[in-house]
Amino acid sequence: MNSLTLPDIAAQATRQALPLEWVGMHGIALPVLLEGKRLSAKADAGVSLDDGEARGIHMSRLYLALEVLERENLSPALLRQILEEFLHSHAGLSNCGFLNIHTDLLLKRPALVSPLAGWKSYPASISASLKNQMFHVELKIEVPYSSTCPCSAALARQLIQQQFINDFANKPLQHADILAWLGSTQGIVATPHSQRSTAQLHLHLDEFIDELPLSAIINDAEAALGTAVQTAVKRADEQAFALANGQNLMFCEDAARRLNLALRRTPGVSQFHLRVVHAESLHAHDAVAESSWQREQV
């Protein structure tokens, strides 16, 4: 059996002494426990290489430190524990540790009217850093919703009014005739255009927050918008969805303002940047609005 010591090339001095801001691995496949659910995830793990004389870091030590994610529910405290292990295993080499986790949060959502329910997937990223003993956590979440154009709705109403004039000019108005007209394609000659839209939320959390408020943030966002996309539906649910869209006409500017006001009230959020994208059904381009907020320092 070979008794020679295995070489550790990373421990050798480099020929070009220079510190590096980030060294590590991207796209590590692993399971995570998030809000009691086991989810498939990808992780980016890294540290700074502050010792410019060192050739490299010990990436296997970062990889092994992630094993705890299989057993314990993801929380700010667990993220900090992992980052502290990153730095402990690179004492003398690194002062900063970084961890990003990318997954899809699955939430079961009820239908609007019927007893049906189904699962919705929300892409989410959790980024944590420990830099010179300063701990920081950020969340990125995508929330899909439906948006109906107010301008298109107004134009459609005008066409319906004009059709009413054309069909009932100089005729006595009978309740039964009007009711039949309102329920026909002859009467409702135009409909507004709607599109699937996305809210991209980037939030900074308070330093001492105990939990990752992913579900709470999604719930607040969907409540503010009023037109969350649905899963399993019956016709009654589809009708209720049409009603929700009709009562929540919004440009991308409206959606951005609604979300800004809602997220300001979310506990544990110190600042955020949001971006809403309305994938236009009228145009070949998207309509986009962005907004930011930061809590005033006391």
Protein backbone atom coordinates (compact mmCIF):
# COMPACT_ATOMS: atom_id res chain seq x y z
CA MET A 1 0.00 0.00 0.00
CA ASN A 2 1.33 3.45 -0.93
CA SER A 3 2.29 5.34 2.24
CA LEU A 4 3.01 8.63 0.47
CA THR A 5 0.99 11.64 1.54
CA LEU A 6 -1.51 12.76 -1.08
CA PRO A 7 -0.50 16.11 -2.56
CA ASP A 8 -2.52 19.22 -1.65
CA ILE A 9 -1.91 21.53 -4.59
CA ALA A 10 -4.41 24.14 -3.34
CA ALA A 11 -2.27 24.67 -0.22
CA GLN A 12 0.75 25.66 -2.29
CA ALA A 13 1.67 29.30 -2.75
CA THR A 14 0.64 30.95 -6.01
CA ARG A 15 3.10 32.56 -8.37
CA GLN A 16 0.82 35.58 -8.74
CA ALA A 17 -0.15 36.89 -5.29
CA LEU A 18 -3.61 38.43 -5.56
CA PRO A 19 -6.72 38.20 -3.33
CA LEU A 20 -10.01 37.10 -4.93
CA GLU A 21 -13.50 38.29 -3.98
CA TRP A 22 -15.35 35.00 -4.62
CA VAL A 23 -14.22 31.42 -5.13
CA GLY A 24 -16.45 28.37 -4.94
CA MET A 25 -19.04 26.28 -6.78
CA HIS A 26 -22.23 26.99 -8.71
CA GLY A 27 -25.18 24.68 -9.31
CA ILE A 28 -24.69 22.13 -6.53
CA ALA A 29 -27.70 19.77 -6.62
CA LEU A 30 -29.20 19.04 -3.20
CA PRO A 31 -32.53 18.75 -1.35
CA VAL A 32 -33.65 21.44 1.08
CA LEU A 33 -36.37 21.55 3.71
CA LEU A 34 -38.37 24.74 3.28
CA GLU A 35 -41.55 25.43 5.25
CA GLY A 36 -41.75 21.74 6.08
CA LYS A 37 -41.48 20.58 2.44
CA ARG A 38 -38.55 18.75 0.86
CA LEU A 39 -37.66 20.53 -2.37
CA SER A 40 -35.11 20.02 -5.10
CA ALA A 41 -32.62 22.88 -5.16
CA LYS A 42 -29.35 24.15 -6.60
CA ALA A 43 -26.81 25.92 -4.41
CA ASP A 44 -23.94 28.31 -5.07
CA ALA A 45 -21.36 28.16 -2.30
CA GLY A 46 -18.26 30.32 -2.04
CA VAL A 47 -15.85 32.30 0.08
CA SER A 48 -13.47 35.16 -0.48
CA LEU A 49 -9.79 34.31 -0.89
CA ASP A 50 -8.24 37.13 1.10
CA ASP A 51 -4.83 35.51 1.44
CA GLY A 52 -3.37 36.49 -1.89
CA GLU A 53 -0.44 34.13 -1.38
CA ALA A 54 -2.70 31.04 -1.21
CA ARG A 55 -3.30 29.28 -4.50
CA GLY A 56 -6.86 28.17 -3.79
CA ILE A 57 -9.58 27.23 -1.30
CA HIS A 58 -10.83 23.82 -0.10
CA MET A 59 -14.05 23.40 -2.10
CA SER A 60 -14.82 19.99 -0.62
CA ARG A 61 -15.16 21.64 2.81
CA LEU A 62 -17.85 23.94 1.45
CA TYR A 63 -19.65 20.99 -0.14
CA LEU A 64 -19.66 18.97 3.08
CA ALA A 65 -20.95 21.93 5.10
CA LEU A 66 -24.13 21.88 2.99
CA GLU A 67 -25.17 18.40 4.23
CA VAL A 68 -27.12 19.95 7.11
CA LEU A 69 -29.62 21.33 4.58
CA GLU A 70 -30.95 17.79 4.11
CA ARG A 71 -31.94 17.50 7.77
CA GLU A 72 -32.90 20.94 9.10
CA ASN A 73 -35.54 23.40 7.97
CA LEU A 74 -34.09 26.34 6.09
CA SER A 75 -33.94 29.44 8.29
CA PRO A 76 -31.72 32.49 8.74
CA ALA A 77 -30.08 30.81 11.73
CA LEU A 78 -29.22 27.73 9.67
CA LEU A 79 -27.83 29.86 6.85
CA ARG A 80 -25.60 31.69 9.30
CA GLN A 81 -24.46 28.39 10.82
CA ILE A 82 -23.40 27.12 7.38
CA LEU A 83 -21.57 30.35 6.53
CA GLU A 84 -19.74 30.26 9.84
CA GLU A 85 -18.63 26.71 9.01
CA PHE A 86 -17.43 27.95 5.60
CA LEU A 87 -15.21 30.51 7.31
CA HIS A 88 -14.12 28.23 10.16
CA SER A 89 -12.91 25.67 7.62
CA HIS A 90 -11.02 28.44 5.79
CA ALA A 91 -9.53 30.23 8.78
CA GLY A 92 -6.64 32.40 7.69
CA LEU A 93 -7.79 32.31 4.06
CA SER A 94 -11.24 33.88 3.97
CA ASN A 95 -13.17 36.65 5.72
CA CYS A 96 -16.41 36.44 3.72
CA GLY A 97 -18.76 33.53 3.00
CA PHE A 98 -21.60 33.33 0.49
CA LEU A 99 -24.49 30.93 -0.10
CA ASN A 100 -27.26 31.11 -2.71
CA ILE A 101 -30.07 28.54 -2.86
CA HIS A 102 -32.34 28.36 -5.91
CA THR A 103 -35.56 26.34 -5.77
CA ASP A 104 -39.27 26.36 -6.61
CA LEU A 105 -41.57 26.81 -3.64
CA LEU A 106 -44.72 24.67 -4.03
CA LEU A 107 -47.92 26.01 -2.48
CA LYS A 108 -51.33 24.37 -2.71
CA ARG A 109 -53.93 26.92 -3.71
CA PRO A 110 -57.74 26.60 -3.49
CA ALA A 111 -59.97 27.47 -6.42
CA LEU A 112 -61.93 30.71 -6.21
CA VAL A 113 -65.38 29.14 -5.78
CA SER A 114 -65.39 25.35 -6.14
CA PRO A 115 -63.79 22.91 -3.65
CA LEU A 116 -60.95 22.13 -6.09
CA ALA A 117 -57.30 22.90 -5.30
CA GLY A 118 -53.95 22.54 -7.03
CA TRP A 119 -50.24 23.22 -6.69
CA LYS A 120 -48.49 26.36 -7.86
CA SER A 121 -44.75 26.74 -8.31
CA TYR A 122 -42.99 29.97 -7.33
CA PRO A 123 -39.31 30.30 -8.38
CA ALA A 124 -37.34 31.53 -5.39
CA SER A 125 -33.73 32.27 -4.50
CA ILE A 126 -32.31 32.77 -1.02
CA SER A 127 -28.97 34.56 -0.80
CA ALA A 128 -26.99 34.81 2.42
CA SER A 129 -23.62 36.35 3.14
CA LEU A 130 -21.35 36.71 6.15
CA LYS A 131 -18.87 39.50 5.53
CA ASN A 132 -16.55 40.53 8.31
CA GLN A 133 -19.10 39.29 10.90
CA MET A 134 -22.01 41.13 9.20
CA PHE A 135 -24.81 38.69 8.30
CA HIS A 136 -27.21 39.50 5.46
CA VAL A 137 -30.12 37.63 3.80
CA GLU A 138 -31.96 38.47 0.56
CA LEU A 139 -34.93 36.80 -1.14
CA LYS A 140 -35.86 36.76 -4.80
CA ILE A 141 -39.36 35.50 -5.65
CA GLU A 142 -41.40 35.39 -8.86
CA VAL A 143 -45.19 35.65 -8.56
CA PRO A 144 -47.36 35.07 -11.67
CA TYR A 145 -50.68 36.86 -12.09
CA SER A 146 -53.15 38.01 -14.74
CA SER A 147 -53.49 41.63 -15.86
CA THR A 148 -56.27 43.19 -17.93
CA CYS A 149 -55.50 46.44 -19.74
CA PRO A 150 -57.68 49.39 -18.56
CA CYS A 151 -57.36 51.12 -21.92
CA SER A 152 -58.46 48.02 -23.79
CA ALA A 153 -61.40 47.60 -21.39
CA ALA A 154 -62.55 51.20 -21.98
CA LEU A 155 -62.32 50.80 -25.76
CA ALA A 156 -64.28 47.53 -25.58
CA ARG A 157 -67.01 49.21 -23.51
CA GLN A 158 -67.29 52.00 -26.06
CA LEU A 159 -67.77 49.52 -28.89
CA ILE A 160 -70.48 47.75 -26.88
CA GLN A 161 -72.20 51.09 -26.29
CA GLN A 162 -72.08 51.86 -30.02
CA GLN A 163 -73.51 48.43 -30.83
CA PHE A 164 -76.33 49.06 -28.35
CA ILE A 165 -77.13 52.32 -30.10
CA ASN A 166 -77.12 50.58 -33.49
CA ASP A 167 -79.36 47.72 -32.34
CA PHE A 168 -81.88 49.67 -30.23
CA ALA A 169 -82.09 53.07 -31.91
CA ASN A 170 -85.72 54.21 -32.18
CA LYS A 171 -86.94 50.92 -30.64
CA PRO A 172 -88.89 50.51 -27.41
CA LEU A 173 -86.62 49.04 -24.74
CA GLN A 174 -87.87 45.74 -23.41
CA HIS A 175 -86.19 44.13 -20.40
CA ALA A 176 -86.17 40.65 -21.98
CA ASP A 177 -84.67 41.96 -25.24
CA ILE A 178 -81.88 43.83 -23.44
CA LEU A 179 -81.10 40.83 -21.24
CA ALA A 180 -80.84 38.57 -24.31
CA TRP A 181 -78.69 41.16 -26.08
CA LEU A 182 -76.27 41.37 -23.14
CA GLY A 183 -75.83 37.60 -23.22
CA SER A 184 -75.13 37.38 -26.95
CA THR A 185 -72.08 37.85 -29.12
CA GLN A 186 -74.22 40.27 -31.11
CA GLY A 187 -74.24 42.61 -28.14
CA ILE A 188 -70.86 42.04 -26.52
CA VAL A 189 -68.90 42.68 -29.69
CA ALA A 190 -65.51 43.37 -28.03
CA THR A 191 -63.53 42.16 -25.04
CA PRO A 192 -60.44 43.69 -23.40
CA HIS A 193 -57.11 41.95 -23.74
CA SER A 194 -55.42 40.26 -20.79
CA GLN A 195 -52.00 38.73 -20.36
CA ARG A 196 -50.10 36.51 -17.98
CA SER A 197 -47.81 38.74 -15.97
CA THR A 198 -44.97 38.31 -13.49
CA ALA A 199 -43.89 40.18 -10.38
CA GLN A 200 -40.17 39.80 -9.69
CA LEU A 201 -39.50 40.65 -6.05
CA HIS A 202 -36.04 41.25 -4.57
CA LEU A 203 -36.21 41.77 -0.81
CA HIS A 204 -33.64 42.47 1.92
CA LEU A 205 -34.50 40.98 5.30
CA ASP A 206 -33.85 42.34 8.77
CA GLU A 207 -30.63 41.01 10.27
CA PHE A 208 -32.27 39.30 13.25
CA ILE A 209 -35.33 37.80 11.54
CA ASP A 210 -36.16 34.26 12.72
CA GLU A 211 -37.87 32.82 9.64
CA LEU A 212 -37.83 33.18 5.87
CA PRO A 213 -41.23 34.77 5.10
CA LEU A 214 -41.59 33.37 1.59
CA SER A 215 -45.23 32.30 1.83
CA ALA A 216 -46.22 35.50 3.62
CA ILE A 217 -44.63 37.62 0.90
CA ILE A 218 -46.35 35.63 -1.87
CA ASN A 219 -49.70 35.85 -0.09
CA ASP A 220 -49.34 39.62 0.38
CA ALA A 221 -48.40 40.09 -3.27
CA GLU A 222 -51.29 38.02 -4.60
CA ALA A 223 -53.78 39.75 -2.31
CA ALA A 224 -52.58 43.17 -3.47
CA LEU A 225 -52.88 42.24 -7.15
CA GLY A 226 -56.21 40.42 -6.85
CA THR A 227 -55.73 38.28 -9.96
CA ALA A 228 -53.45 35.38 -9.05
CA VAL A 229 -53.29 32.70 -11.75
CA GLN A 230 -55.32 29.59 -10.94
CA THR A 231 -54.73 25.82 -10.88
CA ALA A 232 -57.66 23.39 -11.04
CA VAL A 233 -60.91 25.17 -11.94
CA LYS A 234 -64.56 24.58 -12.77
CA ARG A 235 -66.63 26.96 -14.87
CA ALA A 236 -67.75 28.80 -11.73
CA ASP A 237 -64.10 29.44 -10.86
CA GLU A 238 -63.36 30.67 -14.37
CA GLN A 239 -66.30 33.06 -14.12
CA ALA A 240 -65.04 34.30 -10.75
CA PHE A 241 -61.60 34.81 -12.30
CA ALA A 242 -63.16 36.87 -15.11
CA LEU A 243 -64.92 38.96 -12.45
CA ALA A 244 -61.65 39.46 -10.53
CA ASN A 245 -59.91 40.65 -13.71
CA GLY A 246 -62.77 43.01 -14.51
CA GLN A 247 -62.59 44.53 -11.04
CA ASN A 248 -58.78 44.79 -11.05
CA LEU A 249 -57.95 46.47 -14.36
CA MET A 250 -54.31 47.52 -14.21
CA PHE A 251 -51.42 48.85 -16.19
CA CYS A 252 -47.97 47.70 -15.13
CA GLU A 253 -47.66 51.02 -13.26
CA ASP A 254 -50.75 50.16 -11.20
CA ALA A 255 -49.40 46.71 -10.35
CA ALA A 256 -46.03 48.12 -9.26
CA ARG A 257 -47.70 50.64 -6.95
CA ARG A 258 -49.98 48.03 -5.41
CA LEU A 259 -47.05 45.75 -4.68
CA ASN A 260 -44.90 48.54 -3.28
CA LEU A 261 -47.55 49.53 -0.74
CA ALA A 262 -48.24 45.91 0.22
CA LEU A 263 -44.59 44.90 0.69
CA ARG A 264 -43.85 47.90 2.88
CA ARG A 265 -46.17 46.35 5.46
CA THR A 266 -44.53 42.90 5.37
CA PRO A 267 -42.78 42.22 8.71
CA GLY A 268 -39.05 41.57 8.50
CA VAL A 269 -38.46 43.36 5.18
CA SER A 270 -36.06 46.30 5.41
CA GLN A 271 -35.89 47.21 1.72
CA PHE A 272 -36.91 45.85 -1.67
CA HIS A 273 -36.79 46.33 -5.41
CA LEU A 274 -39.64 45.01 -7.53
CA ARG A 275 -40.14 44.61 -11.25
CA VAL A 276 -43.45 43.77 -12.93
CA VAL A 277 -43.60 42.42 -16.46
CA HIS A 278 -46.82 42.37 -18.46
CA ALA A 279 -46.28 40.06 -21.44
CA GLU A 280 -48.46 42.05 -23.82
CA SER A 281 -51.03 40.23 -25.92
CA LEU A 282 -51.53 43.35 -28.08
CA HIS A 283 -47.85 44.07 -28.72
CA ALA A 284 -44.82 41.91 -29.42
CA HIS A 285 -42.97 43.62 -26.56
CA ASP A 286 -43.48 43.64 -22.79
CA ALA A 287 -44.71 46.45 -20.56
CA VAL A 288 -42.45 46.84 -17.51
CA ALA A 289 -42.43 48.92 -14.33
CA GLU A 290 -39.96 48.95 -11.43
CA SER A 291 -40.12 50.34 -7.90
CA SER A 292 -37.94 50.39 -4.80
CA TRP A 293 -38.31 51.16 -1.11
CA GLN A 294 -36.03 51.28 1.92
CA ARG A 295 -37.09 51.67 5.52
CA GLU A 296 -35.96 54.93 7.04
CA GLN A 297 -33.24 54.57 9.63
CA VAL A 298 -34.35 55.65 13.09
